[in-house]
Amino acid sequence: MSKVEKKIAKEKIILGLDPGTNVMGYAIIEVKGSKTNLMQYGVIQMGKYGDHALKLKKIFDRVLALVDEYKPDEDALEAPFFGKNVQSMLKLGRAQGVAMSAALYREVPITEYAPKKVKQSVTGNGNASKEQVAKMLMQIFAIKELPRLLDATDALAVAVCPLVEGLAMFVELRPAWLCRVSYEMESVRRLIRKSDKAYQSLTGQVRALERFCRSDAALSPLKDLVRCART
């Protein structure tokens, strides 16, 4: 393999999608060697479309436009979770199918990831909240403001999954995890210092009380009481 071919092999663009019938998150990241850059992320809103068929058409058109604009090498989607509402699950499955069809229409390979897998890939915890995932991604990609709709960061988390699963852990992710560990360790240190100060303060009070009990100041009231009893 030539140097040019090796360089091309290291470069990849990943499209991450978080399917939804009213709001659909999307994110595009670019991988160049050990560097990972956020190219674009946001949401596709379909709430104003009353007809479900129109929503599906909107999803297809927007995803196709994203594929044509950024030309991703891979499309990562979050698999729909299983819920009790059959109708909602059916609509969500259709939305995902349309998004997949738009990518496949341009021959972009697709990979699905379970919601817990997505959360674990970013935070290390499969039960993390949307807010925790978003805050971790803000550290990784130096995002200044939390988006109003977290569907955008959900899609960004999905885009990260192929890198983590393929053991191509990008450099920016490690400092973010280390930053999180350091933060937790510092919290523990503060707690220990606080407990140590409380222990030292309590020990000091006990010693002061012991000294007082041995002093004449503590014995004088007893002496006065004995004196009064004798008279």
C-alpha atoms as a PDB file:
ATOM      1  CA  MET A   1       0.000   0.000   0.000  1.00  0.00           C
ATOM      2  CA  SER A   2       1.398   3.387  -1.033  1.00  0.00           C
ATOM      3  CA  LYS A   3       1.670   6.408   1.271  1.00  0.00           C
ATOM      4  CA  VAL A   4      -1.255   8.046  -0.520  1.00  0.00           C
ATOM      5  CA  GLU A   5      -3.407   4.938  -0.057  1.00  0.00           C
ATOM      6  CA  LYS A   6      -2.466   4.756   3.635  1.00  0.00           C
ATOM      7  CA  LYS A   7      -3.425   8.409   4.084  1.00  0.00           C
ATOM      8  CA  ILE A   8      -6.769   7.851   2.386  1.00  0.00           C
ATOM      9  CA  ALA A   9      -7.421   4.753   4.541  1.00  0.00           C
ATOM     10  CA  LYS A  10      -6.922   6.793   7.693  1.00  0.00           C
ATOM     11  CA  GLU A  11      -9.415   9.442   6.609  1.00  0.00           C
ATOM     12  CA  LYS A  12     -13.083   8.752   7.157  1.00  0.00           C
ATOM     13  CA  ILE A  13     -16.340  10.686   7.402  1.00  0.00           C
ATOM     14  CA  ILE A  14     -19.094   9.208   9.555  1.00  0.00           C
ATOM     15  CA  LEU A  15     -22.750  10.209   9.540  1.00  0.00           C
ATOM     16  CA  GLY A  16     -24.580   9.552  12.788  1.00  0.00           C
ATOM     17  CA  LEU A  17     -28.383   9.461  12.903  1.00  0.00           C
ATOM     18  CA  ASP A  18     -30.825   9.307  15.798  1.00  0.00           C
ATOM     19  CA  PRO A  19     -34.138   8.393  14.106  1.00  0.00           C
ATOM     20  CA  GLY A  20     -37.401   9.965  15.255  1.00  0.00           C
ATOM     21  CA  THR A  21     -40.826  10.725  13.843  1.00  0.00           C
ATOM     22  CA  ASN A  22     -41.006  14.324  15.109  1.00  0.00           C
ATOM     23  CA  VAL A  23     -37.344  15.180  15.664  1.00  0.00           C
ATOM     24  CA  MET A  24     -34.387  13.407  14.084  1.00  0.00           C
ATOM     25  CA  GLY A  25     -30.828  14.115  15.164  1.00  0.00           C
ATOM     26  CA  TYR A  26     -27.876  14.039  12.788  1.00  0.00           C
ATOM     27  CA  ALA A  27     -24.113  14.545  13.135  1.00  0.00           C
ATOM     28  CA  ILE A  28     -21.146  14.356  10.797  1.00  0.00           C
ATOM     29  CA  ILE A  29     -17.618  13.766  12.099  1.00  0.00           C
ATOM     30  CA  GLU A  30     -14.363  13.608  10.165  1.00  0.00           C
ATOM     31  CA  VAL A  31     -11.522  11.313  11.194  1.00  0.00           C
ATOM     32  CA  LYS A  32      -8.004  12.137  10.014  1.00  0.00           C
ATOM     33  CA  GLY A  33      -5.433   9.852  11.568  1.00  0.00           C
ATOM     34  CA  SER A  34      -5.675  10.420  15.316  1.00  0.00           C
ATOM     35  CA  LYS A  35      -7.716  13.618  14.923  1.00  0.00           C
ATOM     36  CA  THR A  36     -11.507  13.675  15.006  1.00  0.00           C
ATOM     37  CA  ASN A  37     -13.391  16.830  14.054  1.00  0.00           C
ATOM     38  CA  LEU A  38     -17.060  17.715  14.311  1.00  0.00           C
ATOM     39  CA  MET A  39     -18.154  18.935  10.885  1.00  0.00           C
ATOM     40  CA  GLN A  40     -21.861  19.519  11.563  1.00  0.00           C
ATOM     41  CA  TYR A  41     -24.675  18.437  13.848  1.00  0.00           C
ATOM     42  CA  GLY A  42     -28.283  19.386  14.426  1.00  0.00           C
ATOM     43  CA  VAL A  43     -31.871  18.185  14.140  1.00  0.00           C
ATOM     44  CA  ILE A  44     -34.485  17.649  11.458  1.00  0.00           C
ATOM     45  CA  GLN A  45     -37.898  18.721  12.742  1.00  0.00           C
ATOM     46  CA  MET A  46     -41.062  17.162  11.328  1.00  0.00           C
ATOM     47  CA  GLY A  47     -43.591  18.290  13.929  1.00  0.00           C
ATOM     48  CA  LYS A  48     -45.295  20.691  11.554  1.00  0.00           C
ATOM     49  CA  TYR A  49     -46.140  17.868   9.143  1.00  0.00           C
ATOM     50  CA  GLY A  50     -49.401  16.236  10.174  1.00  0.00           C
ATOM     51  CA  ASP A  51     -49.287  13.382   7.686  1.00  0.00           C
ATOM     52  CA  HIS A  52     -46.906  10.577   8.644  1.00  0.00           C
ATOM     53  CA  ALA A  53     -46.063   9.923   4.985  1.00  0.00           C
ATOM     54  CA  LEU A  54     -44.883  13.527   4.582  1.00  0.00           C
ATOM     55  CA  LYS A  55     -42.645  13.130   7.623  1.00  0.00           C
ATOM     56  CA  LEU A  56     -41.041  10.069   6.071  1.00  0.00           C
ATOM     57  CA  LYS A  57     -40.474  11.937   2.789  1.00  0.00           C
ATOM     58  CA  LYS A  58     -38.870  14.809   4.722  1.00  0.00           C
ATOM     59  CA  ILE A  59     -36.514  12.368   6.471  1.00  0.00           C
ATOM     60  CA  PHE A  60     -35.531  10.750   3.175  1.00  0.00           C
ATOM     61  CA  ASP A  61     -34.887  14.083   1.441  1.00  0.00           C
ATOM     62  CA  ARG A  62     -32.824  15.561   4.308  1.00  0.00           C
ATOM     63  CA  VAL A  63     -30.728  12.461   4.908  1.00  0.00           C
ATOM     64  CA  LEU A  64     -30.076  12.163   1.172  1.00  0.00           C
ATOM     65  CA  ALA A  65     -29.038  15.831   1.106  1.00  0.00           C
ATOM     66  CA  LEU A  66     -26.618  15.247   4.000  1.00  0.00           C
ATOM     67  CA  VAL A  67     -25.124  12.232   2.217  1.00  0.00           C
ATOM     68  CA  ASP A  68     -24.697  14.198  -1.020  1.00  0.00           C
ATOM     69  CA  GLU A  69     -23.147  17.188   0.772  1.00  0.00           C
ATOM     70  CA  TYR A  70     -20.706  15.457   3.113  1.00  0.00           C
ATOM     71  CA  LYS A  71     -20.239  12.130   1.269  1.00  0.00           C
ATOM     72  CA  PRO A  72     -19.859   9.938   4.386  1.00  0.00           C
ATOM     73  CA  ASP A  73     -17.983   6.648   4.258  1.00  0.00           C
ATOM     74  CA  GLU A  74     -20.291   5.117   6.840  1.00  0.00           C
ATOM     75  CA  ASP A  75     -23.737   5.696   8.302  1.00  0.00           C
ATOM     76  CA  ALA A  76     -24.292   4.843  11.984  1.00  0.00           C
ATOM     77  CA  LEU A  77     -27.854   4.669  13.304  1.00  0.00           C
ATOM     78  CA  GLU A  78     -29.309   4.179  16.744  1.00  0.00           C
ATOM     79  CA  ALA A  79     -31.540   1.110  16.756  1.00  0.00           C
ATOM     80  CA  PRO A  80     -35.078   1.743  18.077  1.00  0.00           C
ATOM     81  CA  PHE A  81     -35.681   0.575  21.621  1.00  0.00           C
ATOM     82  CA  PHE A  82     -38.576  -1.757  22.385  1.00  0.00           C
ATOM     83  CA  GLY A  83     -41.544  -0.004  23.991  1.00  0.00           C
ATOM     84  CA  LYS A  84     -45.060  -0.885  25.020  1.00  0.00           C
ATOM     85  CA  ASN A  85     -46.751   1.370  22.452  1.00  0.00           C
ATOM     86  CA  VAL A  86     -46.907  -0.716  19.277  1.00  0.00           C
ATOM     87  CA  GLN A  87     -47.998   2.197  17.059  1.00  0.00           C
ATOM     88  CA  SER A  88     -45.111   4.384  18.219  1.00  0.00           C
ATOM     89  CA  MET A  89     -42.657   1.554  17.627  1.00  0.00           C
ATOM     90  CA  LEU A  90     -44.066   0.995  14.152  1.00  0.00           C
ATOM     91  CA  LYS A  91     -43.700   4.690  13.231  1.00  0.00           C
ATOM     92  CA  LEU A  92     -40.178   4.830  14.663  1.00  0.00           C
ATOM     93  CA  GLY A  93     -39.216   1.732  12.694  1.00  0.00           C
ATOM     94  CA  ARG A  94     -40.507   3.335   9.506  1.00  0.00           C
ATOM     95  CA  ALA A  95     -38.475   6.492  10.205  1.00  0.00           C
ATOM     96  CA  GLN A  96     -35.349   4.425  10.691  1.00  0.00           C
ATOM     97  CA  GLY A  97     -36.053   2.397   7.549  1.00  0.00           C
ATOM     98  CA  VAL A  98     -36.439   5.559   5.447  1.00  0.00           C
ATOM     99  CA  ALA A  99     -33.194   6.999   6.841  1.00  0.00           C
ATOM    100  CA  MET A 100     -31.422   3.747   6.022  1.00  0.00           C
ATOM    101  CA  SER A 101     -32.900   3.738   2.526  1.00  0.00           C
ATOM    102  CA  ALA A 102     -31.576   7.253   1.854  1.00  0.00           C
ATOM    103  CA  ALA A 103     -28.034   6.183   2.777  1.00  0.00           C
ATOM    104  CA  LEU A 104     -28.265   2.902   0.888  1.00  0.00           C
ATOM    105  CA  TYR A 105     -29.555   4.806  -2.155  1.00  0.00           C
ATOM    106  CA  ARG A 106     -26.058   6.324  -2.333  1.00  0.00           C
ATOM    107  CA  GLU A 107     -24.430   2.982  -1.425  1.00  0.00           C
ATOM    108  CA  VAL A 108     -23.276   4.143   2.013  1.00  0.00           C
ATOM    109  CA  PRO A 109     -22.744   1.166   4.387  1.00  0.00           C
ATOM    110  CA  ILE A 110     -24.920   1.144   7.502  1.00  0.00           C
ATOM    111  CA  THR A 111     -24.347  -0.029  11.074  1.00  0.00           C
ATOM    112  CA  GLU A 112     -26.932  -0.072  13.871  1.00  0.00           C
ATOM    113  CA  TYR A 113     -26.150   0.425  17.554  1.00  0.00           C
ATOM    114  CA  ALA A 114     -28.350  -0.260  20.560  1.00  0.00           C
ATOM    115  CA  PRO A 115     -29.101   2.762  22.805  1.00  0.00           C
ATOM    116  CA  LYS A 116     -27.116   1.293  25.719  1.00  0.00           C
ATOM    117  CA  LYS A 117     -24.168   0.610  23.422  1.00  0.00           C
ATOM    118  CA  VAL A 118     -24.193   4.240  22.303  1.00  0.00           C
ATOM    119  CA  LYS A 119     -24.163   5.568  25.867  1.00  0.00           C
ATOM    120  CA  GLN A 120     -21.455   3.143  26.926  1.00  0.00           C
ATOM    121  CA  SER A 121     -19.245   4.105  23.974  1.00  0.00           C
ATOM    122  CA  VAL A 122     -19.210   7.754  25.059  1.00  0.00           C
ATOM    123  CA  THR A 123     -19.482   7.708  28.854  1.00  0.00           C
ATOM    124  CA  GLY A 124     -18.542   4.149  29.784  1.00  0.00           C
ATOM    125  CA  ASN A 125     -21.992   3.756  31.360  1.00  0.00           C
ATOM    126  CA  GLY A 126     -24.824   2.147  29.405  1.00  0.00           C
ATOM    127  CA  ASN A 127     -27.417   3.711  31.719  1.00  0.00           C
ATOM    128  CA  ALA A 128     -26.141   7.290  31.419  1.00  0.00           C
ATOM    129  CA  SER A 129     -28.693  10.057  30.903  1.00  0.00           C
ATOM    130  CA  LYS A 130     -28.971  12.167  27.751  1.00  0.00           C
ATOM    131  CA  GLU A 131     -27.505  15.100  29.683  1.00  0.00           C
ATOM    132  CA  GLN A 132     -24.469  13.080  30.794  1.00  0.00           C
ATOM    133  CA  VAL A 133     -23.827  11.949  27.220  1.00  0.00           C
ATOM    134  CA  ALA A 134     -24.176  15.517  25.946  1.00  0.00           C
ATOM    135  CA  LYS A 135     -21.780  16.940  28.557  1.00  0.00           C
ATOM    136  CA  MET A 136     -19.140  14.332  27.756  1.00  0.00           C
ATOM    137  CA  LEU A 137     -19.411  15.116  24.040  1.00  0.00           C
ATOM    138  CA  MET A 138     -19.105  18.824  24.819  1.00  0.00           C
ATOM    139  CA  GLN A 139     -15.724  18.091  26.415  1.00  0.00           C
ATOM    140  CA  ILE A 140     -14.583  15.833  23.598  1.00  0.00           C
ATOM    141  CA  PHE A 141     -15.485  18.179  20.745  1.00  0.00           C
ATOM    142  CA  ALA A 142     -15.073  21.484  22.645  1.00  0.00           C
ATOM    143  CA  ILE A 143     -18.738  22.394  22.176  1.00  0.00           C
ATOM    144  CA  LYS A 144     -19.411  25.639  24.045  1.00  0.00           C
ATOM    145  CA  GLU A 145     -23.194  25.530  24.404  1.00  0.00           C
ATOM    146  CA  LEU A 146     -25.533  22.611  25.075  1.00  0.00           C
ATOM    147  CA  PRO A 147     -28.014  22.294  22.176  1.00  0.00           C
ATOM    148  CA  ARG A 148     -31.663  22.961  22.928  1.00  0.00           C
ATOM    149  CA  LEU A 149     -32.660  19.556  21.576  1.00  0.00           C
ATOM    150  CA  LEU A 150     -30.436  16.709  22.777  1.00  0.00           C
ATOM    151  CA  ASP A 151     -31.348  14.630  19.716  1.00  0.00           C
ATOM    152  CA  ALA A 152     -28.363  16.366  18.077  1.00  0.00           C
ATOM    153  CA  THR A 153     -25.877  15.145  20.695  1.00  0.00           C
ATOM    154  CA  ASP A 154     -27.543  11.717  20.644  1.00  0.00           C
ATOM    155  CA  ALA A 155     -26.732  11.508  16.940  1.00  0.00           C
ATOM    156  CA  LEU A 156     -23.179  12.669  17.639  1.00  0.00           C
ATOM    157  CA  ALA A 157     -22.825   9.872  20.189  1.00  0.00           C
ATOM    158  CA  VAL A 158     -23.967   7.389  17.530  1.00  0.00           C
ATOM    159  CA  ALA A 159     -21.336   8.737  15.130  1.00  0.00           C
ATOM    160  CA  VAL A 160     -18.648   8.046  17.744  1.00  0.00           C
ATOM    161  CA  CYS A 161     -19.634   4.370  18.076  1.00  0.00           C
ATOM    162  CA  PRO A 162     -17.814   3.029  14.972  1.00  0.00           C
ATOM    163  CA  LEU A 163     -14.559   4.531  16.249  1.00  0.00           C
ATOM    164  CA  VAL A 164     -14.880   2.977  19.681  1.00  0.00           C
ATOM    165  CA  GLU A 165     -16.127  -0.385  18.412  1.00  0.00           C
ATOM    166  CA  GLY A 166     -13.322  -0.604  15.860  1.00  0.00           C
ATOM    167  CA  LEU A 167     -10.774   0.173  18.600  1.00  0.00           C
ATOM    168  CA  ALA A 168      -9.855   3.350  16.718  1.00  0.00           C
ATOM    169  CA  MET A 169     -10.221   5.388  19.904  1.00  0.00           C
ATOM    170  CA  PHE A 170      -9.497   8.931  18.867  1.00  0.00           C
ATOM    171  CA  VAL A 171      -7.092  11.008  20.886  1.00  0.00           C
ATOM    172  CA  GLU A 172      -9.658  13.551  22.040  1.00  0.00           C
ATOM    173  CA  LEU A 173     -11.718  10.875  23.799  1.00  0.00           C
ATOM    174  CA  ARG A 174      -8.984   9.768  26.182  1.00  0.00           C
ATOM    175  CA  PRO A 175      -8.401  13.167  27.811  1.00  0.00           C
ATOM    176  CA  ALA A 176     -12.164  13.510  28.238  1.00  0.00           C
ATOM    177  CA  TRP A 177     -12.368  10.231  30.146  1.00  0.00           C
ATOM    178  CA  LEU A 178      -9.237  11.113  32.104  1.00  0.00           C
ATOM    179  CA  CYS A 179     -10.772  14.496  32.875  1.00  0.00           C
ATOM    180  CA  ARG A 180     -13.862  12.738  34.208  1.00  0.00           C
ATOM    181  CA  VAL A 181     -11.763  10.376  36.350  1.00  0.00           C
ATOM    182  CA  SER A 182      -9.695  13.287  37.653  1.00  0.00           C
ATOM    183  CA  TYR A 183     -12.869  15.152  38.540  1.00  0.00           C
ATOM    184  CA  GLU A 184     -14.225  12.183  40.484  1.00  0.00           C
ATOM    185  CA  MET A 185     -10.893  11.696  42.255  1.00  0.00           C
ATOM    186  CA  GLU A 186     -10.781  15.355  43.221  1.00  0.00           C
ATOM    187  CA  SER A 187     -14.306  15.039  44.642  1.00  0.00           C
ATOM    188  CA  VAL A 188     -13.126  12.109  46.751  1.00  0.00           C
ATOM    189  CA  ARG A 189     -10.087  14.089  47.891  1.00  0.00           C
ATOM    190  CA  ARG A 190     -12.268  17.034  48.909  1.00  0.00           C
ATOM    191  CA  LEU A 191     -14.526  14.703  50.877  1.00  0.00           C
ATOM    192  CA  ILE A 192     -11.538  13.141  52.640  1.00  0.00           C
ATOM    193  CA  ARG A 193     -10.078  16.546  53.463  1.00  0.00           C
ATOM    194  CA  LYS A 194     -13.440  17.726  54.731  1.00  0.00           C
ATOM    195  CA  SER A 195     -13.840  14.613  56.887  1.00  0.00           C
ATOM    196  CA  ASP A 196     -10.256  14.944  58.123  1.00  0.00           C
ATOM    197  CA  LYS A 197     -10.839  18.563  59.142  1.00  0.00           C
ATOM    198  CA  ALA A 198     -14.026  17.580  60.955  1.00  0.00           C
ATOM    199  CA  TYR A 199     -12.155  14.772  62.740  1.00  0.00           C
ATOM    200  CA  GLN A 200      -9.326  17.076  63.721  1.00  0.00           C
ATOM    201  CA  SER A 201     -11.784  19.693  64.971  1.00  0.00           C
ATOM    202  CA  LEU A 202     -13.669  17.118  67.037  1.00  0.00           C
ATOM    203  CA  THR A 203     -10.408  15.697  68.417  1.00  0.00           C
ATOM    204  CA  GLY A 204      -9.313  19.191  69.376  1.00  0.00           C
ATOM    205  CA  GLN A 205     -12.578  19.831  71.224  1.00  0.00           C
ATOM    206  CA  VAL A 206     -12.274  16.553  73.123  1.00  0.00           C
ATOM    207  CA  ARG A 207      -8.714  17.355  74.153  1.00  0.00           C
ATOM    208  CA  ALA A 208      -9.727  20.843  75.230  1.00  0.00           C
ATOM    209  CA  LEU A 209     -12.504  19.341  77.338  1.00  0.00           C
ATOM    210  CA  GLU A 210     -10.062  16.891  78.901  1.00  0.00           C
ATOM    211  CA  ARG A 211      -7.679  19.718  79.786  1.00  0.00           C
ATOM    212  CA  PHE A 212     -10.523  21.737  81.269  1.00  0.00           C
ATOM    213  CA  CYS A 213     -11.652  18.808  83.408  1.00  0.00           C
ATOM    214  CA  ARG A 214      -8.150  18.481  84.830  1.00  0.00           C
ATOM    215  CA  SER A 215      -7.770  22.205  85.496  1.00  0.00           C
ATOM    216  CA  ASP A 216      -8.576  24.129  88.669  1.00  0.00           C
ATOM    217  CA  ALA A 217     -11.303  25.978  86.823  1.00  0.00           C
ATOM    218  CA  ALA A 218     -13.262  22.733  86.548  1.00  0.00           C
ATOM    219  CA  LEU A 219     -12.567  21.669  90.144  1.00  0.00           C
ATOM    220  CA  SER A 220     -13.354  24.981  91.840  1.00  0.00           C
ATOM    221  CA  PRO A 221     -17.156  24.660  91.540  1.00  0.00           C
ATOM    222  CA  LEU A 222     -16.902  21.213  93.147  1.00  0.00           C
ATOM    223  CA  LYS A 223     -14.736  22.619  95.950  1.00  0.00           C
ATOM    224  CA  ASP A 224     -17.273  25.373  96.555  1.00  0.00           C
ATOM    225  CA  LEU A 225     -20.078  22.802  96.671  1.00  0.00           C
ATOM    226  CA  VAL A 226     -18.212  20.680  99.244  1.00  0.00           C
ATOM    227  CA  ARG A 227     -17.429  23.760 101.300  1.00  0.00           C
ATOM    228  CA  CYS A 228     -21.096  24.764 101.365  1.00  0.00           C
ATOM    229  CA  ALA A 229     -22.141  21.254 102.404  1.00  0.00           C
ATOM    230  CA  ARG A 230     -19.761  21.293 105.363  1.00  0.00           C
ATOM    231  CA  THR A 231     -20.965  24.613 106.781  1.00  0.00           C
END
